[in-house]
């Protein structure tokens, strides 16, 4: 991961593509299939919500109302794909200690 991230931080995505093998380069260039204009607009909208305070108001409102979805989401996370993957990979990383 570090071998991919460091070049990207230094000189952008083109440097990352230059420094890795052809396989991730080809896979990465398929991003247009996933990142379309609708996704880009959402990615622009989220920082606007943080800057204009609407994110904070929504976040605080959820706490004021007792966090109605929080416990359910937290309970369901281990069953989601990212939770299952993390649970299976954690024991393989002995340097992290007990998972």
PDB file of N, CA and C in Angstrom:
ATOM      1  N   UNK A   1       0.826  -1.180   0.000  1.00  0.00           N
ATOM      2  CA  UNK A   1       0.000   0.000   0.000  1.00  0.00           C
ATOM      3  C   UNK A   1       0.878   1.254   0.000  1.00  0.00           C
ATOM      4  N   UNK A   2       1.883   1.244   0.845  1.00  0.00           N
ATOM      5  CA  UNK A   2       2.757   2.414   0.941  1.00  0.00           C
ATOM      6  C   UNK A   2       3.433   2.720  -0.392  1.00  0.00           C
ATOM      7  N   UNK A   3       3.783   1.668  -1.156  1.00  0.00           N
ATOM      8  CA  UNK A   3       4.435   1.872  -2.438  1.00  0.00           C
ATOM      9  C   UNK A   3       3.510   2.525  -3.454  1.00  0.00           C
ATOM     10  N   UNK A   4       2.217   2.427  -3.235  1.00  0.00           N
ATOM     11  CA  UNK A   4       1.257   3.091  -4.116  1.00  0.00           C
ATOM     12  C   UNK A   4       0.925   4.493  -3.630  1.00  0.00           C
ATOM     13  N   UNK A   5       0.790   4.641  -2.321  1.00  0.00           N
ATOM     14  CA  UNK A   5       0.337   5.913  -1.756  1.00  0.00           C
ATOM     15  C   UNK A   5       1.426   6.982  -1.787  1.00  0.00           C
ATOM     16  N   UNK A   6       2.658   6.618  -1.431  1.00  0.00           N
ATOM     17  CA  UNK A   6       3.722   7.621  -1.391  1.00  0.00           C
ATOM     18  C   UNK A   6       3.921   8.341  -2.729  1.00  0.00           C
ATOM     19  N   UNK A   7       4.052   7.603  -3.863  1.00  0.00           N
ATOM     20  CA  UNK A   7       4.200   8.319  -5.138  1.00  0.00           C
ATOM     21  C   UNK A   7       2.988   9.195  -5.461  1.00  0.00           C
ATOM     22  N   UNK A   8       1.800   8.737  -5.078  1.00  0.00           N
ATOM     23  CA  UNK A   8       0.606   9.524  -5.359  1.00  0.00           C
ATOM     24  C   UNK A   8       0.638  10.828  -4.558  1.00  0.00           C
ATOM     25  N   UNK A   9       1.084  10.750  -3.314  1.00  0.00           N
ATOM     26  CA  UNK A   9       1.173  11.967  -2.501  1.00  0.00           C
ATOM     27  C   UNK A   9       2.252  12.911  -3.031  1.00  0.00           C
ATOM     28  N   UNK A  10       3.326  12.341  -3.561  1.00  0.00           N
ATOM     29  CA  UNK A  10       4.420  13.164  -4.061  1.00  0.00           C
ATOM     30  C   UNK A  10       4.054  13.910  -5.341  1.00  0.00           C
ATOM     31  N   UNK A  11       3.485  13.181  -6.316  1.00  0.00           N
ATOM     32  CA  UNK A  11       3.262  13.793  -7.621  1.00  0.00           C
ATOM     33  C   UNK A  11       1.935  13.436  -8.274  1.00  0.00           C
ATOM     34  N   UNK A  12       0.996  12.936  -7.503  1.00  0.00           N
ATOM     35  CA  UNK A  12      -0.318  12.659  -8.069  1.00  0.00           C
ATOM     36  C   UNK A  12      -0.473  11.257  -8.629  1.00  0.00           C
ATOM     37  N   UNK A  13      -1.642  11.020  -9.188  1.00  0.00           N
ATOM     38  CA  UNK A  13      -2.012   9.685  -9.657  1.00  0.00           C
ATOM     39  C   UNK A  13      -1.117   9.207 -10.791  1.00  0.00           C
ATOM     40  N   UNK A  14      -0.663  10.098 -11.646  1.00  0.00           N
ATOM     41  CA  UNK A  14       0.190   9.661 -12.754  1.00  0.00           C
ATOM     42  C   UNK A  14       1.511   9.091 -12.233  1.00  0.00           C
ATOM     43  N   UNK A  15       2.051   9.649 -11.168  1.00  0.00           N
ATOM     44  CA  UNK A  15       3.278   9.108 -10.571  1.00  0.00           C
ATOM     45  C   UNK A  15       3.014   7.741  -9.959  1.00  0.00           C
ATOM     46  N   UNK A  16       1.833   7.570  -9.346  1.00  0.00           N
ATOM     47  CA  UNK A  16       1.499   6.276  -8.782  1.00  0.00           C
ATOM     48  C   UNK A  16       1.410   5.235  -9.888  1.00  0.00           C
ATOM     49  N   UNK A  17       0.732   5.580 -10.992  1.00  0.00           N
ATOM     50  CA  UNK A  17       0.636   4.641 -12.110  1.00  0.00           C
ATOM     51  C   UNK A  17       2.020   4.305 -12.663  1.00  0.00           C
ATOM     52  N   UNK A  18       2.909   5.288 -12.736  1.00  0.00           N
ATOM     53  CA  UNK A  18       4.251   5.067 -13.246  1.00  0.00           C
ATOM     54  C   UNK A  18       5.023   4.089 -12.360  1.00  0.00           C
ATOM     55  N   UNK A  19       4.775   4.128 -11.043  1.00  0.00           N
ATOM     56  CA  UNK A  19       5.594   3.364 -10.105  1.00  0.00           C
ATOM     57  C   UNK A  19       5.074   1.957  -9.818  1.00  0.00           C
ATOM     58  N   UNK A  20       3.879   1.606 -10.275  1.00  0.00           N
ATOM     59  CA  UNK A  20       3.339   0.272 -10.001  1.00  0.00           C
ATOM     60  C   UNK A  20       3.272  -0.543 -11.291  1.00  0.00           C
ATOM     61  N   UNK A  21       2.929  -1.801 -11.148  1.00  0.00           N
ATOM     62  CA  UNK A  21       2.870  -2.680 -12.316  1.00  0.00           C
ATOM     63  C   UNK A  21       1.694  -2.311 -13.218  1.00  0.00           C
ATOM     64  N   UNK A  22       1.660  -2.943 -14.362  1.00  0.00           N
ATOM     65  CA  UNK A  22       0.634  -2.654 -15.362  1.00  0.00           C
ATOM     66  C   UNK A  22      -0.771  -3.041 -14.892  1.00  0.00           C
ATOM     67  N   UNK A  23      -0.879  -4.098 -14.082  1.00  0.00           N
ATOM     68  CA  UNK A  23      -2.204  -4.579 -13.668  1.00  0.00           C
ATOM     69  C   UNK A  23      -2.982  -3.529 -12.881  1.00  0.00           C
ATOM     70  N   UNK A  24      -2.438  -2.970 -11.783  1.00  0.00           N
ATOM     71  CA  UNK A  24      -3.221  -1.949 -11.080  1.00  0.00           C
ATOM     72  C   UNK A  24      -3.434  -0.691 -11.917  1.00  0.00           C
ATOM     73  N   UNK A  25      -2.504  -0.414 -12.817  1.00  0.00           N
ATOM     74  CA  UNK A  25      -2.669   0.750 -13.687  1.00  0.00           C
ATOM     75  C   UNK A  25      -3.902   0.577 -14.564  1.00  0.00           C
ATOM     76  N   UNK A  26      -4.028  -0.588 -15.175  1.00  0.00           N
ATOM     77  CA  UNK A  26      -5.195  -0.850 -16.030  1.00  0.00           C
ATOM     78  C   UNK A  26      -6.482  -0.856 -15.215  1.00  0.00           C
ATOM     79  N   UNK A  27      -6.431  -1.482 -14.042  1.00  0.00           N
ATOM     80  CA  UNK A  27      -7.628  -1.531 -13.198  1.00  0.00           C
ATOM     81  C   UNK A  27      -8.025  -0.131 -12.743  1.00  0.00           C
ATOM     82  N   UNK A  28      -7.048   0.677 -12.355  1.00  0.00           N
ATOM     83  CA  UNK A  28      -7.320   2.028 -11.894  1.00  0.00           C
ATOM     84  C   UNK A  28      -7.941   2.911 -12.953  1.00  0.00           C
ATOM     85  N   UNK A  29      -7.581   2.669 -14.194  1.00  0.00           N
ATOM     86  CA  UNK A  29      -8.119   3.489 -15.271  1.00  0.00           C
ATOM     87  C   UNK A  29      -9.552   3.132 -15.617  1.00  0.00           C
ATOM     88  N   UNK A  30     -10.085   2.137 -14.971  1.00  0.00           N
ATOM     89  CA  UNK A  30     -11.499   1.790 -15.160  1.00  0.00           C
ATOM     90  C   UNK A  30     -12.394   2.587 -14.222  1.00  0.00           C
ATOM     91  N   UNK A  31     -11.792   3.474 -13.468  1.00  0.00           N
ATOM     92  CA  UNK A  31     -12.538   4.269 -12.503  1.00  0.00           C
ATOM     93  C   UNK A  31     -13.681   5.056 -13.100  1.00  0.00           C
ATOM     94  N   UNK A  32     -13.580   5.420 -14.363  1.00  0.00           N
ATOM     95  CA  UNK A  32     -14.657   6.186 -14.997  1.00  0.00           C
ATOM     96  C   UNK A  32     -15.964   5.405 -14.999  1.00  0.00           C
ATOM     97  N   UNK A  33     -15.865   4.102 -14.911  1.00  0.00           N
ATOM     98  CA  UNK A  33     -17.083   3.293 -14.837  1.00  0.00           C
ATOM     99  C   UNK A  33     -17.761   3.459 -13.486  1.00  0.00           C
ATOM    100  N   UNK A  34     -16.989   3.824 -12.467  1.00  0.00           N
ATOM    101  CA  UNK A  34     -17.535   3.982 -11.130  1.00  0.00           C
ATOM    102  C   UNK A  34     -17.739   5.440 -10.753  1.00  0.00           C
ATOM    103  N   UNK A  35     -16.804   6.272 -11.135  1.00  0.00           N
ATOM    104  CA  UNK A  35     -16.838   7.683 -10.750  1.00  0.00           C
ATOM    105  C   UNK A  35     -17.431   8.484 -11.904  1.00  0.00           C
ATOM    106  N   UNK A  36     -18.724   8.670 -11.852  1.00  0.00           N
ATOM    107  CA  UNK A  36     -19.409   9.424 -12.904  1.00  0.00           C
ATOM    108  C   UNK A  36     -19.757  10.824 -12.381  1.00  0.00           C
ATOM    109  N   UNK A  37     -20.445  11.596 -13.171  1.00  0.00           N
ATOM    110  CA  UNK A  37     -20.760  12.972 -12.783  1.00  0.00           C
ATOM    111  C   UNK A  37     -21.617  13.031 -11.517  1.00  0.00           C
ATOM    112  N   UNK A  38     -22.509  12.081 -11.355  1.00  0.00           N
ATOM    113  CA  UNK A  38     -23.355  12.057 -10.147  1.00  0.00           C
ATOM    114  C   UNK A  38     -22.496  11.856  -8.899  1.00  0.00           C
ATOM    115  N   UNK A  39     -21.548  10.950  -8.966  1.00  0.00           N
ATOM    116  CA  UNK A  39     -20.647  10.717  -7.836  1.00  0.00           C
ATOM    117  C   UNK A  39     -19.794  11.959  -7.581  1.00  0.00           C
ATOM    118  N   UNK A  40     -19.289  12.554  -8.650  1.00  0.00           N
ATOM    119  CA  UNK A  40     -18.471  13.763  -8.497  1.00  0.00           C
ATOM    120  C   UNK A  40     -19.262  14.882  -7.828  1.00  0.00           C
ATOM    121  N   UNK A  41     -20.512  15.038  -8.190  1.00  0.00           N
ATOM    122  CA  UNK A  41     -21.344  16.072  -7.568  1.00  0.00           C
ATOM    123  C   UNK A  41     -21.543  15.784  -6.084  1.00  0.00           C
ATOM    124  N   UNK A  42     -21.744  14.527  -5.728  1.00  0.00           N
ATOM    125  CA  UNK A  42     -21.865  14.172  -4.303  1.00  0.00           C
ATOM    126  C   UNK A  42     -20.566  14.494  -3.565  1.00  0.00           C
ATOM    127  N   UNK A  43     -19.441  14.229  -4.198  1.00  0.00           N
ATOM    128  CA  UNK A  43     -18.151  14.513  -3.568  1.00  0.00           C
ATOM    129  C   UNK A  43     -17.919  16.009  -3.414  1.00  0.00           C
ATOM    130  N   UNK A  44     -18.506  16.814  -4.265  1.00  0.00           N
ATOM    131  CA  UNK A  44     -18.428  18.280  -4.114  1.00  0.00           C
ATOM    132  C   UNK A  44     -19.437  18.769  -3.071  1.00  0.00           C
ATOM    133  N   UNK A  45     -20.574  18.083  -2.975  1.00  0.00           N
ATOM    134  CA  UNK A  45     -21.639  18.502  -2.069  1.00  0.00           C
ATOM    135  C   UNK A  45     -21.258  18.307  -0.603  1.00  0.00           C
ATOM    136  N   UNK A  46     -20.581  17.222  -0.295  1.00  0.00           N
ATOM    137  CA  UNK A  46     -20.268  16.917   1.109  1.00  0.00           C
ATOM    138  C   UNK A  46     -19.412  18.002   1.757  1.00  0.00           C
ATOM    139  N   UNK A  47     -18.298  18.451   1.155  1.00  0.00           N
ATOM    140  CA  UNK A  47     -17.548  19.547   1.784  1.00  0.00           C
ATOM    141  C   UNK A  47     -18.363  20.837   1.918  1.00  0.00           C
ATOM    142  N   UNK A  48     -19.254  21.089   0.943  1.00  0.00           N
ATOM    143  CA  UNK A  48     -20.122  22.283   1.063  1.00  0.00           C
ATOM    144  C   UNK A  48     -21.001  22.178   2.301  1.00  0.00           C
ATOM    145  N   UNK A  49     -21.520  20.976   2.568  1.00  0.00           N
ATOM    146  CA  UNK A  49     -22.364  20.784   3.755  1.00  0.00           C
ATOM    147  C   UNK A  49     -21.564  20.990   5.035  1.00  0.00           C
ATOM    148  N   UNK A  50     -20.306  20.581   5.035  1.00  0.00           N
ATOM    149  CA  UNK A  50     -19.458  20.797   6.210  1.00  0.00           C
ATOM    150  C   UNK A  50     -19.208  22.289   6.391  1.00  0.00           C
ATOM    151  N   UNK A  51     -18.872  22.981   5.286  1.00  0.00           N
ATOM    152  CA  UNK A  51     -18.581  24.420   5.380  1.00  0.00           C
ATOM    153  C   UNK A  51     -19.803  25.246   5.760  1.00  0.00           C
ATOM    154  N   UNK A  52     -20.978  24.908   5.224  1.00  0.00           N
ATOM    155  CA  UNK A  52     -22.148  25.752   5.507  1.00  0.00           C
ATOM    156  C   UNK A  52     -22.859  25.383   6.814  1.00  0.00           C
ATOM    157  N   UNK A  53     -22.381  24.351   7.499  1.00  0.00           N
ATOM    158  CA  UNK A  53     -22.927  24.007   8.806  1.00  0.00           C
ATOM    159  C   UNK A  53     -24.075  23.010   8.782  1.00  0.00           C
ATOM    160  N   UNK A  54     -24.593  22.660   7.604  1.00  0.00           N
ATOM    161  CA  UNK A  54     -25.731  21.739   7.577  1.00  0.00           C
ATOM    162  C   UNK A  54     -25.349  20.339   8.062  1.00  0.00           C
ATOM    163  N   UNK A  55     -24.116  19.909   7.812  1.00  0.00           N
ATOM    164  CA  UNK A  55     -23.667  18.614   8.318  1.00  0.00           C
ATOM    165  C   UNK A  55     -23.688  18.607   9.843  1.00  0.00           C
ATOM    166  N   UNK A  56     -23.140  19.671  10.436  1.00  0.00           N
ATOM    167  CA  UNK A  56     -23.092  19.761  11.896  1.00  0.00           C
ATOM    168  C   UNK A  56     -24.493  19.786  12.491  1.00  0.00           C
ATOM    169  N   UNK A  57     -25.398  20.542  11.870  1.00  0.00           N
ATOM    170  CA  UNK A  57     -26.771  20.590  12.380  1.00  0.00           C
ATOM    171  C   UNK A  57     -27.434  19.214  12.310  1.00  0.00           C
ATOM    172  N   UNK A  58     -27.233  18.510  11.208  1.00  0.00           N
ATOM    173  CA  UNK A  58     -27.818  17.181  11.066  1.00  0.00           C
ATOM    174  C   UNK A  58     -27.205  16.214  12.088  1.00  0.00           C
ATOM    175  N   UNK A  59     -25.891  16.274  12.234  1.00  0.00           N
ATOM    176  CA  UNK A  59     -25.183  15.400  13.165  1.00  0.00           C
ATOM    177  C   UNK A  59     -25.644  15.658  14.598  1.00  0.00           C
ATOM    178  N   UNK A  60     -25.701  16.922  14.988  1.00  0.00           N
ATOM    179  CA  UNK A  60     -26.136  17.277  16.337  1.00  0.00           C
ATOM    180  C   UNK A  60     -27.598  16.895  16.544  1.00  0.00           C
ATOM    181  N   UNK A  61     -28.420  17.064  15.517  1.00  0.00           N
ATOM    182  CA  UNK A  61     -29.830  16.690  15.616  1.00  0.00           C
ATOM    183  C   UNK A  61     -30.015  15.210  15.889  1.00  0.00           C
ATOM    184  N   UNK A  62     -29.193  14.392  15.282  1.00  0.00           N
ATOM    185  CA  UNK A  62     -29.284  12.951  15.532  1.00  0.00           C
ATOM    186  C   UNK A  62     -28.946  12.630  16.979  1.00  0.00           C
ATOM    187  N   UNK A  63     -27.930  13.299  17.528  1.00  0.00           N
ATOM    188  CA  UNK A  63     -27.588  13.076  18.930  1.00  0.00           C
ATOM    189  C   UNK A  63     -28.699  13.585  19.841  1.00  0.00           C
ATOM    190  N   UNK A  64     -29.257  14.735  19.508  1.00  0.00           N
ATOM    191  CA  UNK A  64     -30.341  15.284  20.319  1.00  0.00           C
ATOM    192  C   UNK A  64     -31.562  14.369  20.335  1.00  0.00           C
ATOM    193  N   UNK A  65     -31.743  13.601  19.265  1.00  0.00           N
ATOM    194  CA  UNK A  65     -32.881  12.680  19.173  1.00  0.00           C
ATOM    195  C   UNK A  65     -32.528  11.265  19.616  1.00  0.00           C
ATOM    196  N   UNK A  66     -31.406  11.098  20.297  1.00  0.00           N
ATOM    197  CA  UNK A  66     -31.054   9.797  20.846  1.00  0.00           C
ATOM    198  C   UNK A  66     -30.344   8.856  19.880  1.00  0.00           C
ATOM    199  N   UNK A  67     -29.753   9.378  18.825  1.00  0.00           N
ATOM    200  CA  UNK A  67     -29.014   8.569  17.846  1.00  0.00           C
ATOM    201  C   UNK A  67     -29.832   7.358  17.388  1.00  0.00           C
ATOM    202  N   UNK A  68     -30.971   7.560  16.763  1.00  0.00           N
ATOM    203  CA  UNK A  68     -31.878   6.454  16.455  1.00  0.00           C
ATOM    204  C   UNK A  68     -31.298   5.350  15.569  1.00  0.00           C
ATOM    205  N   UNK A  69     -30.388   5.658  14.669  1.00  0.00           N
ATOM    206  CA  UNK A  69     -29.845   4.635  13.770  1.00  0.00           C
ATOM    207  C   UNK A  69     -28.468   4.137  14.174  1.00  0.00           C
ATOM    208  N   UNK A  70     -27.854   4.809  15.132  1.00  0.00           N
ATOM    209  CA  UNK A  70     -26.465   4.519  15.468  1.00  0.00           C
ATOM    210  C   UNK A  70     -26.264   3.082  15.959  1.00  0.00           C
ATOM    211  N   UNK A  71     -27.037   2.667  16.934  1.00  0.00           N
ATOM    212  CA  UNK A  71     -26.855   1.327  17.515  1.00  0.00           C
ATOM    213  C   UNK A  71     -27.099   0.236  16.475  1.00  0.00           C
ATOM    214  N   UNK A  72     -28.110   0.416  15.636  1.00  0.00           N
ATOM    215  CA  UNK A  72     -28.387  -0.568  14.599  1.00  0.00           C
ATOM    216  C   UNK A  72     -27.268  -0.673  13.592  1.00  0.00           C
ATOM    217  N   UNK A  73     -26.740   0.478  13.173  1.00  0.00           N
ATOM    218  CA  UNK A  73     -25.621   0.473  12.226  1.00  0.00           C
ATOM    219  C   UNK A  73     -24.390  -0.160  12.863  1.00  0.00           C
ATOM    220  N   UNK A  74     -24.102   0.206  14.093  1.00  0.00           N
ATOM    221  CA  UNK A  74     -22.925  -0.335  14.777  1.00  0.00           C
ATOM    222  C   UNK A  74     -23.053  -1.846  14.922  1.00  0.00           C
ATOM    223  N   UNK A  75     -24.232  -2.338  15.247  1.00  0.00           N
ATOM    224  CA  UNK A  75     -24.431  -3.781  15.403  1.00  0.00           C
ATOM    225  C   UNK A  75     -24.294  -4.518  14.074  1.00  0.00           C
ATOM    226  N   UNK A  76     -24.686  -3.878  12.972  1.00  0.00           N
ATOM    227  CA  UNK A  76     -24.641  -4.526  11.676  1.00  0.00           C
ATOM    228  C   UNK A  76     -23.290  -4.476  10.977  1.00  0.00           C
ATOM    229  N   UNK A  77     -22.397  -3.608  11.425  1.00  0.00           N
ATOM    230  CA  UNK A  77     -21.119  -3.443  10.741  1.00  0.00           C
ATOM    231  C   UNK A  77     -20.283  -4.716  10.644  1.00  0.00           C
ATOM    232  N   UNK A  78     -20.178  -5.540  11.693  1.00  0.00           N
ATOM    233  CA  UNK A  78     -19.361  -6.755  11.551  1.00  0.00           C
ATOM    234  C   UNK A  78     -19.859  -7.698  10.459  1.00  0.00           C
ATOM    235  N   UNK A  79     -21.137  -7.663  10.136  1.00  0.00           N
ATOM    236  CA  UNK A  79     -21.690  -8.557   9.114  1.00  0.00           C
ATOM    237  C   UNK A  79     -21.490  -8.012   7.702  1.00  0.00           C
ATOM    238  N   UNK A  80     -21.191  -6.727   7.571  1.00  0.00           N
ATOM    239  CA  UNK A  80     -20.973  -6.147   6.246  1.00  0.00           C
ATOM    240  C   UNK A  80     -19.638  -6.623   5.693  1.00  0.00           C
ATOM    241  N   UNK A  81     -19.484  -6.520   4.382  1.00  0.00           N
ATOM    242  CA  UNK A  81     -18.283  -7.044   3.722  1.00  0.00           C
ATOM    243  C   UNK A  81     -16.998  -6.497   4.324  1.00  0.00           C
ATOM    244  N   UNK A  82     -16.942  -5.189   4.581  1.00  0.00           N
ATOM    245  CA  UNK A  82     -15.710  -4.618   5.119  1.00  0.00           C
ATOM    246  C   UNK A  82     -15.435  -5.148   6.527  1.00  0.00           C
ATOM    247  N   UNK A  83     -16.464  -5.389   7.318  1.00  0.00           N
ATOM    248  CA  UNK A  83     -16.281  -5.954   8.655  1.00  0.00           C
ATOM    249  C   UNK A  83     -15.792  -7.384   8.613  1.00  0.00           C
ATOM    250  N   UNK A  84     -16.367  -8.177   7.706  1.00  0.00           N
ATOM    251  CA  UNK A  84     -15.935  -9.575   7.571  1.00  0.00           C
ATOM    252  C   UNK A  84     -14.489  -9.647   7.078  1.00  0.00           C
ATOM    253  N   UNK A  85     -14.158  -8.787   6.121  1.00  0.00           N
ATOM    254  CA  UNK A  85     -12.799  -8.787   5.588  1.00  0.00           C
ATOM    255  C   UNK A  85     -11.802  -8.396   6.663  1.00  0.00           C
ATOM    256  N   UNK A  86     -12.117  -7.337   7.399  1.00  0.00           N
ATOM    257  CA  UNK A  86     -11.226  -6.905   8.474  1.00  0.00           C
ATOM    258  C   UNK A  86     -11.051  -7.965   9.538  1.00  0.00           C
ATOM    259  N   UNK A  87     -12.134  -8.658   9.878  1.00  0.00           N
ATOM    260  CA  UNK A  87     -12.051  -9.702  10.888  1.00  0.00           C
ATOM    261  C   UNK A  87     -11.174 -10.858  10.415  1.00  0.00           C
ATOM    262  N   UNK A  88     -11.215 -11.170   9.131  1.00  0.00           N
ATOM    263  CA  UNK A  88     -10.395 -12.276   8.630  1.00  0.00           C
ATOM    264  C   UNK A  88      -8.941 -11.858   8.425  1.00  0.00           C
ATOM    265  N   UNK A  89      -8.683 -10.598   8.124  1.00  0.00           N
ATOM    266  CA  UNK A  89      -7.312 -10.140   7.899  1.00  0.00           C
ATOM    267  C   UNK A  89      -6.584  -9.800   9.195  1.00  0.00           C
ATOM    268  N   UNK A  90      -7.312  -9.328  10.183  1.00  0.00           N
ATOM    269  CA  UNK A  90      -6.693  -8.916  11.440  1.00  0.00           C
ATOM    270  C   UNK A  90      -5.752  -9.946  12.047  1.00  0.00           C
ATOM    271  N   UNK A  91      -6.183 -11.201  12.187  1.00  0.00           N
ATOM    272  CA  UNK A  91      -5.293 -12.205  12.788  1.00  0.00           C
ATOM    273  C   UNK A  91      -4.031 -12.474  11.965  1.00  0.00           C
ATOM    274  N   UNK A  92      -4.032 -12.149  10.695  1.00  0.00           N
ATOM    275  CA  UNK A  92      -2.858 -12.368   9.852  1.00  0.00           C
ATOM    276  C   UNK A  92      -1.783 -11.305  10.076  1.00  0.00           C
ATOM    277  N   UNK A  93      -2.145 -10.231  10.756  1.00  0.00           N
ATOM    278  CA  UNK A  93      -1.212  -9.119  10.985  1.00  0.00           C
ATOM    279  C   UNK A  93      -0.704  -9.164  12.414  1.00  0.00           C
ATOM    280  N   UNK A  94       0.241 -10.053  12.644  1.00  0.00           N
ATOM    281  CA  UNK A  94       0.730 -10.284  13.998  1.00  0.00           C
ATOM    282  C   UNK A  94       1.311  -9.028  14.634  1.00  0.00           C
ATOM    283  N   UNK A  95       1.811  -8.115  13.837  1.00  0.00           N
ATOM    284  CA  UNK A  95       2.425  -6.905  14.376  1.00  0.00           C
ATOM    285  C   UNK A  95       1.391  -5.952  14.997  1.00  0.00           C
ATOM    286  N   UNK A  96       0.111  -6.204  14.757  1.00  0.00           N
ATOM    287  CA  UNK A  96      -0.917  -5.352  15.340  1.00  0.00           C
ATOM    288  C   UNK A  96      -1.318  -5.772  16.748  1.00  0.00           C
ATOM    289  N   UNK A  97      -0.873  -6.922  17.193  1.00  0.00           N
ATOM    290  CA  UNK A  97      -1.276  -7.421  18.487  1.00  0.00           C
ATOM    291  C   UNK A  97      -2.620  -8.109  18.381  1.00  0.00           C
ATOM    292  N   UNK A  98      -3.308  -8.246  19.479  1.00  0.00           N
ATOM    293  CA  UNK A  98      -4.612  -8.916  19.459  1.00  0.00           C
ATOM    294  C   UNK A  98      -5.653  -8.059  18.766  1.00  0.00           C
ATOM    295  N   UNK A  99      -6.443  -8.699  17.910  1.00  0.00           N
ATOM    296  CA  UNK A  99      -7.505  -7.993  17.209  1.00  0.00           C
ATOM    297  C   UNK A  99      -8.840  -8.286  17.839  1.00  0.00           C
TER     298      UNK A  99
END
